[in-house]
Amino acid sequence: MKIYANDFDNNGINDVVLSKKYKGEYVPVRGRECSSQQMPFIKEKFGTYSEFANATLSDIYGDELSNAYENEATEFNSILLLNTGEDGFEKKILPIEAQQFPVMNSVFVDLNNDGYQDCIVAGNIYETEVETTRLDAISGTVLISNGNDGYKTLSNERTGLYLGDNVKDLSLINLGNMDLLLNSVNNNRLTAHKIVSIKQ
């Protein structure tokens, strides 16, 4: 996926354009509706949805693309980066269960007392545009470290961790002799979950 930013409609404000490759050409990710709300000239230039759907990014934005800020994303998995020392980092893709929702935050704690930091990840996004369905799966996954280079997933049935709603943040606190996982969501109450040791 490539992102471009420029003042494509000459109104003094930079416009952001997301694109992906399709049949060897870059095309817009957003449809005519969202794109024309941001840049009204698109509706005038492409009278029908079909015309817009068959247009490349160059057809739509022309020479303005060559002057635009440009960057590219090539990895969309949630990953673990292992510090290998002087050589940099090694990428490890997290288990499939951690790919089913957008990871907005993570906390690390040794849940099974084996000396290795395990990971709890969570997140959802309700604030999406009209053409994008909101990301509202049951969130929250416990990942147990294998002590070497990755994690295995514990099922929600086993951990009892079910985080619904518009999950945004996680935090670990100690209250007296009790360890708690705090979970915050947009426009709702803070919730707390007691952390207990998990038997192997």
Foldseek 3Di string as FASTA:
>chain_A
DKKWWDPQQPPPHIDIFDWDDDPRATATPDFLVVVCVRHVVSCVLQVDSVSNVPDGPCRRRPPVRVVIDMDDDDDDADWDWDQPDPVGTDTDGADPLRRLADFQDKDWDQQAPPPDTKMKTWFWACPDDPVDHGGWDFIIWTWHDPVPHYTDTDDCVQVVDTHGAGWHDWDWDQDPNWIWIWIDGPPDDIDIDTRHHDHD
